Amino acid sequence: MSNAMPSRWCASTGTPSARSWWRSPPVCSTWREDYLAAAQRELAEEAELAASRWDVLIDLVTTPGACEESLRIFLAREPRRTLRPDGFVLEGEEAHMSFEWAGRADLVEAVLAGQCQSPTLVSGMLAFETARLSGTP
């Protein structure tokens, strides 16, 4: 597993904490779109990246018993630059985000120090670190 993880630096203005957040590219899927297709599309749209291999890190239900929303977090391996899909235009907060590579150890440290509080990023990073430490591909 690579030591550098793609992440997005998102300035979240107007939030109660009035601070900036590290977060992973979100995946917004319709009920008809499968998880992998949604993840591939979102990575291309937001980060202009594609990947050669996609491994499932963890599946989550965001609010069990109250909501049907579920998430599947992937590890996108062997990333490479790609173009955004035809017709896609960055809007809203997406237009103001920057993309940076962040070191795995730095992100894990930030999660454990409470500096990263996005539930998706926290879950994904801890699942990634657990897999890495246990030798799971």
N, C-alpha and C. Protein backbone atom coordinates (compact mmCIF):
# COMPACT_ATOMS: atom_id res chain seq x y z
N MET A 1 0.84 -1.17 0.00
CA MET A 1 0.00 0.00 0.00
C MET A 1 0.88 1.24 0.00
N SER A 2 0.49 2.20 -0.75
CA SER A 2 1.24 3.44 -0.87
C SER A 2 1.23 4.22 0.44
N ASN A 3 2.29 4.97 0.67
CA ASN A 3 2.36 5.80 1.87
C ASN A 3 1.61 7.12 1.67
N ALA A 4 1.40 7.56 0.43
CA ALA A 4 0.69 8.81 0.17
C ALA A 4 -0.75 8.51 -0.21
N MET A 5 -1.65 9.24 0.39
CA MET A 5 -3.08 9.07 0.13
C MET A 5 -3.63 10.34 -0.48
N PRO A 6 -4.47 10.22 -1.53
CA PRO A 6 -5.08 11.43 -2.05
C PRO A 6 -6.13 11.91 -1.07
N SER A 7 -6.19 13.18 -0.88
CA SER A 7 -7.23 13.76 -0.07
C SER A 7 -7.50 15.15 -0.59
N ARG A 8 -8.61 15.70 -0.22
CA ARG A 8 -8.97 17.03 -0.66
C ARG A 8 -8.93 17.96 0.54
N TRP A 9 -8.41 19.15 0.34
CA TRP A 9 -8.44 20.17 1.38
C TRP A 9 -9.63 21.03 1.06
N CYS A 10 -10.58 21.05 1.93
CA CYS A 10 -11.83 21.74 1.69
C CYS A 10 -12.02 22.82 2.73
N ALA A 11 -12.11 24.06 2.31
CA ALA A 11 -12.38 25.15 3.25
C ALA A 11 -13.87 25.18 3.50
N SER A 12 -14.29 24.74 4.66
CA SER A 12 -15.70 24.69 5.01
C SER A 12 -16.08 25.98 5.72
N THR A 13 -16.56 26.94 4.98
CA THR A 13 -16.94 28.21 5.60
C THR A 13 -18.38 28.12 6.10
N GLY A 14 -18.66 28.85 7.14
CA GLY A 14 -20.01 28.85 7.68
C GLY A 14 -20.33 27.66 8.55
N THR A 15 -19.35 26.82 8.84
CA THR A 15 -19.60 25.69 9.73
C THR A 15 -19.51 26.17 11.17
N PRO A 16 -20.13 25.47 12.10
CA PRO A 16 -20.07 25.90 13.50
C PRO A 16 -18.65 26.06 14.01
N SER A 17 -17.72 25.27 13.52
CA SER A 17 -16.35 25.36 14.00
C SER A 17 -15.53 26.40 13.23
N ALA A 18 -16.04 26.87 12.10
CA ALA A 18 -15.36 27.87 11.26
C ALA A 18 -13.91 27.51 11.00
N ARG A 19 -13.67 26.27 10.60
CA ARG A 19 -12.31 25.85 10.27
C ARG A 19 -12.30 25.04 8.99
N SER A 20 -11.13 24.74 8.49
CA SER A 20 -11.00 23.97 7.26
C SER A 20 -10.92 22.49 7.61
N TRP A 21 -11.29 21.67 6.66
CA TRP A 21 -11.38 20.22 6.91
C TRP A 21 -10.64 19.45 5.84
N TRP A 22 -9.95 18.39 6.25
CA TRP A 22 -9.47 17.38 5.32
C TRP A 22 -10.63 16.44 5.09
N ARG A 23 -10.84 16.07 3.87
CA ARG A 23 -11.86 15.06 3.59
C ARG A 23 -11.50 14.30 2.33
N SER A 24 -12.06 13.14 2.21
CA SER A 24 -11.86 12.36 1.00
C SER A 24 -12.88 12.82 -0.03
N PRO A 25 -12.61 12.60 -1.34
CA PRO A 25 -13.62 12.96 -2.33
C PRO A 25 -14.92 12.22 -2.02
N PRO A 26 -16.05 12.93 -1.91
CA PRO A 26 -17.29 12.26 -1.56
C PRO A 26 -17.83 11.48 -2.75
N VAL A 27 -18.62 10.51 -2.46
CA VAL A 27 -19.28 9.76 -3.51
C VAL A 27 -20.78 9.89 -3.30
N CYS A 28 -21.41 10.58 -4.23
CA CYS A 28 -22.85 10.74 -4.19
C CYS A 28 -23.42 9.86 -5.28
N SER A 29 -24.18 8.89 -4.89
CA SER A 29 -24.67 7.90 -5.83
C SER A 29 -26.19 7.89 -5.82
N THR A 30 -26.76 7.61 -6.97
CA THR A 30 -28.19 7.36 -7.02
C THR A 30 -28.39 5.89 -6.65
N TRP A 31 -29.58 5.52 -6.33
CA TRP A 31 -29.84 4.12 -5.96
C TRP A 31 -29.56 3.18 -7.12
N ARG A 32 -29.53 3.71 -8.35
CA ARG A 32 -29.32 2.85 -9.51
C ARG A 32 -27.84 2.68 -9.86
N GLU A 33 -26.97 3.49 -9.29
CA GLU A 33 -25.55 3.45 -9.60
C GLU A 33 -24.83 2.61 -8.56
N ASP A 34 -24.03 1.64 -9.01
CA ASP A 34 -23.35 0.82 -8.02
C ASP A 34 -22.19 1.59 -7.39
N TYR A 35 -21.73 1.10 -6.25
CA TYR A 35 -20.70 1.79 -5.48
C TYR A 35 -19.43 2.05 -6.29
N LEU A 36 -18.96 1.04 -7.00
CA LEU A 36 -17.71 1.18 -7.73
C LEU A 36 -17.83 2.22 -8.84
N ALA A 37 -18.91 2.16 -9.61
CA ALA A 37 -19.12 3.15 -10.68
C ALA A 37 -19.19 4.56 -10.11
N ALA A 38 -19.86 4.72 -8.97
CA ALA A 38 -19.96 6.04 -8.33
C ALA A 38 -18.59 6.53 -7.86
N ALA A 39 -17.80 5.65 -7.26
CA ALA A 39 -16.47 6.02 -6.77
C ALA A 39 -15.56 6.41 -7.93
N GLN A 40 -15.61 5.65 -9.01
CA GLN A 40 -14.78 5.95 -10.18
C GLN A 40 -15.17 7.30 -10.78
N ARG A 41 -16.47 7.54 -10.90
CA ARG A 41 -16.96 8.80 -11.47
C ARG A 41 -16.56 9.98 -10.59
N GLU A 42 -16.78 9.87 -9.27
CA GLU A 42 -16.49 10.98 -8.36
C GLU A 42 -14.99 11.29 -8.31
N LEU A 43 -14.15 10.26 -8.33
CA LEU A 43 -12.70 10.51 -8.30
C LEU A 43 -12.26 11.26 -9.56
N ALA A 44 -12.84 10.90 -10.70
CA ALA A 44 -12.52 11.60 -11.95
C ALA A 44 -13.06 13.03 -11.93
N GLU A 45 -14.28 13.20 -11.43
CA GLU A 45 -14.88 14.54 -11.41
C GLU A 45 -14.15 15.48 -10.47
N GLU A 46 -13.89 15.05 -9.27
CA GLU A 46 -13.36 15.95 -8.25
C GLU A 46 -11.84 16.04 -8.21
N ALA A 47 -11.16 14.94 -8.45
CA ALA A 47 -9.70 14.93 -8.32
C ALA A 47 -8.97 14.74 -9.64
N GLU A 48 -9.70 14.53 -10.72
CA GLU A 48 -9.12 14.25 -12.02
C GLU A 48 -8.14 13.08 -11.95
N LEU A 49 -8.60 12.02 -11.27
CA LEU A 49 -7.80 10.81 -11.14
C LEU A 49 -8.62 9.60 -11.54
N ALA A 50 -7.92 8.58 -12.02
CA ALA A 50 -8.49 7.26 -12.26
C ALA A 50 -7.56 6.29 -11.54
N ALA A 51 -7.99 5.06 -11.37
CA ALA A 51 -7.16 4.06 -10.70
C ALA A 51 -7.23 2.74 -11.45
N SER A 52 -6.15 1.98 -11.37
CA SER A 52 -6.09 0.69 -12.04
C SER A 52 -6.78 -0.41 -11.26
N ARG A 53 -6.84 -0.24 -9.94
CA ARG A 53 -7.41 -1.28 -9.08
C ARG A 53 -8.17 -0.61 -7.95
N TRP A 54 -9.29 -1.22 -7.58
CA TRP A 54 -10.14 -0.70 -6.51
C TRP A 54 -10.38 -1.81 -5.50
N ASP A 55 -9.97 -1.57 -4.26
CA ASP A 55 -10.21 -2.54 -3.19
C ASP A 55 -11.17 -1.95 -2.17
N VAL A 56 -12.11 -2.76 -1.71
CA VAL A 56 -13.04 -2.30 -0.68
C VAL A 56 -12.30 -2.26 0.65
N LEU A 57 -12.36 -1.12 1.33
CA LEU A 57 -11.78 -0.99 2.67
C LEU A 57 -12.82 -1.29 3.75
N ILE A 58 -14.01 -0.69 3.62
CA ILE A 58 -15.02 -0.83 4.67
C ILE A 58 -16.39 -0.42 4.13
N ASP A 59 -17.42 -1.04 4.66
CA ASP A 59 -18.81 -0.66 4.38
C ASP A 59 -19.41 -0.08 5.65
N LEU A 60 -20.16 1.00 5.50
CA LEU A 60 -20.77 1.67 6.65
C LEU A 60 -22.24 1.96 6.39
N VAL A 61 -23.02 1.94 7.45
CA VAL A 61 -24.37 2.47 7.43
C VAL A 61 -24.31 3.70 8.32
N THR A 62 -24.66 4.85 7.76
CA THR A 62 -24.43 6.11 8.47
C THR A 62 -25.30 6.28 9.71
N THR A 63 -26.55 5.91 9.63
CA THR A 63 -27.46 6.05 10.77
C THR A 63 -28.34 4.80 10.86
N PRO A 64 -27.82 3.71 11.40
CA PRO A 64 -28.58 2.47 11.43
C PRO A 64 -29.95 2.65 12.10
N GLY A 65 -30.97 2.14 11.45
CA GLY A 65 -32.31 2.19 11.99
C GLY A 65 -33.06 3.47 11.69
N ALA A 66 -32.36 4.53 11.29
CA ALA A 66 -33.02 5.80 11.04
C ALA A 66 -32.91 6.24 9.58
N CYS A 67 -31.96 5.68 8.87
CA CYS A 67 -31.70 6.11 7.50
C CYS A 67 -31.14 4.93 6.72
N GLU A 68 -31.46 4.88 5.44
CA GLU A 68 -30.96 3.79 4.61
C GLU A 68 -29.64 4.09 3.93
N GLU A 69 -29.06 5.26 4.20
CA GLU A 69 -27.81 5.63 3.55
C GLU A 69 -26.68 4.69 3.97
N SER A 70 -25.97 4.20 2.97
CA SER A 70 -24.80 3.36 3.25
C SER A 70 -23.64 3.84 2.39
N LEU A 71 -22.45 3.56 2.88
CA LEU A 71 -21.24 3.98 2.19
C LEU A 71 -20.33 2.78 2.00
N ARG A 72 -19.62 2.77 0.91
CA ARG A 72 -18.55 1.80 0.69
C ARG A 72 -17.31 2.62 0.40
N ILE A 73 -16.28 2.42 1.21
CA ILE A 73 -15.04 3.17 1.04
C ILE A 73 -14.02 2.27 0.37
N PHE A 74 -13.47 2.76 -0.73
CA PHE A 74 -12.50 2.01 -1.52
C PHE A 74 -11.10 2.56 -1.33
N LEU A 75 -10.12 1.71 -1.57
CA LEU A 75 -8.75 2.13 -1.75
C LEU A 75 -8.49 2.10 -3.26
N ALA A 76 -8.27 3.27 -3.84
CA ALA A 76 -7.99 3.37 -5.28
C ALA A 76 -6.49 3.23 -5.46
N ARG A 77 -6.09 2.13 -6.08
CA ARG A 77 -4.66 1.84 -6.24
C ARG A 77 -4.16 2.26 -7.61
N GLU A 78 -2.86 2.53 -7.66
CA GLU A 78 -2.19 2.94 -8.89
C GLU A 78 -2.92 4.10 -9.56
N PRO A 79 -3.07 5.22 -8.81
CA PRO A 79 -3.79 6.36 -9.39
C PRO A 79 -3.00 7.01 -10.51
N ARG A 80 -3.74 7.57 -11.45
CA ARG A 80 -3.14 8.28 -12.58
C ARG A 80 -4.06 9.44 -12.95
N ARG A 81 -3.48 10.45 -13.56
CA ARG A 81 -4.25 11.61 -13.98
C ARG A 81 -5.24 11.22 -15.08
N THR A 82 -6.39 11.86 -15.07
CA THR A 82 -7.39 11.68 -16.12
C THR A 82 -8.15 12.98 -16.28
N LEU A 83 -8.96 13.06 -17.30
CA LEU A 83 -9.79 14.24 -17.52
C LEU A 83 -11.12 14.08 -16.80
N ARG A 84 -11.71 15.20 -16.44
CA ARG A 84 -13.06 15.16 -15.90
C ARG A 84 -14.00 14.67 -17.00
N PRO A 85 -15.09 13.99 -16.63
CA PRO A 85 -16.04 13.54 -17.65
C PRO A 85 -16.61 14.73 -18.44
N ASP A 86 -16.92 14.49 -19.71
CA ASP A 86 -17.51 15.53 -20.55
C ASP A 86 -18.76 16.11 -19.88
N GLY A 87 -18.83 17.42 -19.88
CA GLY A 87 -20.00 18.09 -19.35
C GLY A 87 -19.97 18.36 -17.86
N PHE A 88 -19.01 17.77 -17.12
CA PHE A 88 -18.96 18.00 -15.68
C PHE A 88 -18.31 19.35 -15.40
N VAL A 89 -18.95 20.15 -14.55
CA VAL A 89 -18.43 21.45 -14.16
C VAL A 89 -18.41 21.52 -12.64
N LEU A 90 -17.27 21.94 -12.08
CA LEU A 90 -17.18 22.12 -10.63
C LEU A 90 -18.09 23.27 -10.22
N GLU A 91 -18.92 23.03 -9.19
CA GLU A 91 -19.84 24.04 -8.70
C GLU A 91 -19.79 24.10 -7.18
N GLY A 92 -20.26 25.19 -6.62
CA GLY A 92 -20.36 25.31 -5.17
C GLY A 92 -19.02 25.12 -4.50
N GLU A 93 -19.03 24.37 -3.38
CA GLU A 93 -17.79 24.17 -2.63
C GLU A 93 -16.73 23.43 -3.43
N GLU A 94 -17.16 22.57 -4.37
CA GLU A 94 -16.19 21.84 -5.20
C GLU A 94 -15.29 22.79 -5.99
N ALA A 95 -15.83 23.92 -6.42
CA ALA A 95 -15.07 24.87 -7.22
C ALA A 95 -13.97 25.55 -6.42
N HIS A 96 -14.05 25.50 -5.09
CA HIS A 96 -13.09 26.20 -4.24
C HIS A 96 -12.17 25.27 -3.47
N MET A 97 -12.27 23.98 -3.71
CA MET A 97 -11.41 23.02 -3.03
C MET A 97 -10.09 22.89 -3.76
N SER A 98 -9.06 22.56 -3.00
CA SER A 98 -7.79 22.23 -3.63
C SER A 98 -7.51 20.75 -3.38
N PHE A 99 -6.67 20.18 -4.21
CA PHE A 99 -6.32 18.77 -4.10
C PHE A 99 -4.88 18.68 -3.67
N GLU A 100 -4.60 17.85 -2.69
CA GLU A 100 -3.23 17.64 -2.23
C GLU A 100 -3.03 16.16 -1.91
N TRP A 101 -1.79 15.71 -2.06
CA TRP A 101 -1.42 14.39 -1.57
C TRP A 101 -1.01 14.56 -0.11
N ALA A 102 -1.43 13.65 0.72
CA ALA A 102 -1.06 13.71 2.14
C ALA A 102 -0.47 12.36 2.53
N GLY A 103 0.54 12.37 3.35
CA GLY A 103 1.17 11.15 3.80
C GLY A 103 0.25 10.32 4.69
N ARG A 104 0.29 9.03 4.50
CA ARG A 104 -0.54 8.13 5.29
C ARG A 104 -0.32 8.35 6.79
N ALA A 105 0.93 8.34 7.22
CA ALA A 105 1.22 8.49 8.65
C ALA A 105 0.72 9.83 9.17
N ASP A 106 0.84 10.89 8.36
CA ASP A 106 0.35 12.21 8.77
C ASP A 106 -1.16 12.21 8.96
N LEU A 107 -1.89 11.55 8.03
CA LEU A 107 -3.34 11.50 8.15
C LEU A 107 -3.78 10.65 9.34
N VAL A 108 -3.12 9.52 9.55
CA VAL A 108 -3.46 8.68 10.71
C VAL A 108 -3.22 9.47 12.00
N GLU A 109 -2.09 10.15 12.08
CA GLU A 109 -1.79 10.96 13.27
C GLU A 109 -2.85 12.05 13.47
N ALA A 110 -3.25 12.71 12.38
CA ALA A 110 -4.27 13.76 12.48
C ALA A 110 -5.62 13.19 12.92
N VAL A 111 -5.98 12.01 12.42
CA VAL A 111 -7.23 11.36 12.85
C VAL A 111 -7.18 11.08 14.34
N LEU A 112 -6.10 10.47 14.80
CA LEU A 112 -5.99 10.09 16.21
C LEU A 112 -5.88 11.31 17.13
N ALA A 113 -5.41 12.44 16.60
CA ALA A 113 -5.30 13.67 17.40
C ALA A 113 -6.59 14.48 17.37
N GLY A 114 -7.60 14.00 16.64
CA GLY A 114 -8.86 14.72 16.55
C GLY A 114 -8.84 15.88 15.58
N GLN A 115 -7.81 15.95 14.74
CA GLN A 115 -7.71 17.04 13.77
C GLN A 115 -8.48 16.76 12.48
N CYS A 116 -8.80 15.51 12.22
CA CYS A 116 -9.65 15.11 11.10
C CYS A 116 -10.90 14.52 11.71
N GLN A 117 -12.04 15.12 11.41
CA GLN A 117 -13.27 14.66 12.03
C GLN A 117 -14.34 14.26 11.03
N SER A 118 -14.01 14.25 9.76
CA SER A 118 -14.96 13.76 8.76
C SER A 118 -15.15 12.27 9.00
N PRO A 119 -16.38 11.83 9.28
CA PRO A 119 -16.60 10.40 9.57
C PRO A 119 -16.12 9.47 8.46
N THR A 120 -16.28 9.90 7.22
CA THR A 120 -15.85 9.06 6.10
C THR A 120 -14.33 8.95 6.06
N LEU A 121 -13.64 10.05 6.22
CA LEU A 121 -12.17 10.03 6.22
C LEU A 121 -11.65 9.25 7.42
N VAL A 122 -12.22 9.47 8.59
CA VAL A 122 -11.78 8.76 9.79
C VAL A 122 -11.96 7.25 9.60
N SER A 123 -13.13 6.83 9.16
CA SER A 123 -13.39 5.40 8.95
C SER A 123 -12.46 4.82 7.90
N GLY A 124 -12.30 5.53 6.79
CA GLY A 124 -11.45 5.04 5.72
C GLY A 124 -10.00 4.94 6.13
N MET A 125 -9.49 5.97 6.81
CA MET A 125 -8.09 5.95 7.22
C MET A 125 -7.82 4.85 8.25
N LEU A 126 -8.72 4.68 9.22
CA LEU A 126 -8.52 3.64 10.22
C LEU A 126 -8.64 2.25 9.61
N ALA A 127 -9.55 2.08 8.65
CA ALA A 127 -9.65 0.79 7.95
C ALA A 127 -8.39 0.54 7.12
N PHE A 128 -7.90 1.57 6.45
CA PHE A 128 -6.68 1.45 5.65
C PHE A 128 -5.49 1.08 6.53
N GLU A 129 -5.35 1.77 7.66
CA GLU A 129 -4.22 1.51 8.56
C GLU A 129 -4.32 0.11 9.16
N THR A 130 -5.51 -0.31 9.52
CA THR A 130 -5.70 -1.66 10.05
C THR A 130 -5.32 -2.71 9.01
N ALA A 131 -5.76 -2.51 7.77
CA ALA A 131 -5.41 -3.44 6.69
C ALA A 131 -3.91 -3.47 6.45
N ARG A 132 -3.30 -2.30 6.46
CA ARG A 132 -1.85 -2.21 6.23
C ARG A 132 -1.09 -2.92 7.34
N LEU A 133 -1.46 -2.71 8.59
CA LEU A 133 -0.76 -3.33 9.71
C LEU A 133 -0.97 -4.83 9.79
N SER A 134 -2.14 -5.29 9.31
CA SER A 134 -2.41 -6.74 9.36
C SER A 134 -1.90 -7.46 8.12
N GLY A 135 -1.38 -6.69 7.14
CA GLY A 135 -0.85 -7.31 5.93
C GLY A 135 -1.90 -7.69 4.94
N THR A 136 -3.12 -7.22 5.13
CA THR A 136 -4.20 -7.50 4.20
C THR A 136 -3.99 -6.65 2.96
N PRO A 137 -4.01 -7.28 1.79
CA PRO A 137 -3.80 -6.49 0.56
C PRO A 137 -4.93 -5.50 0.31
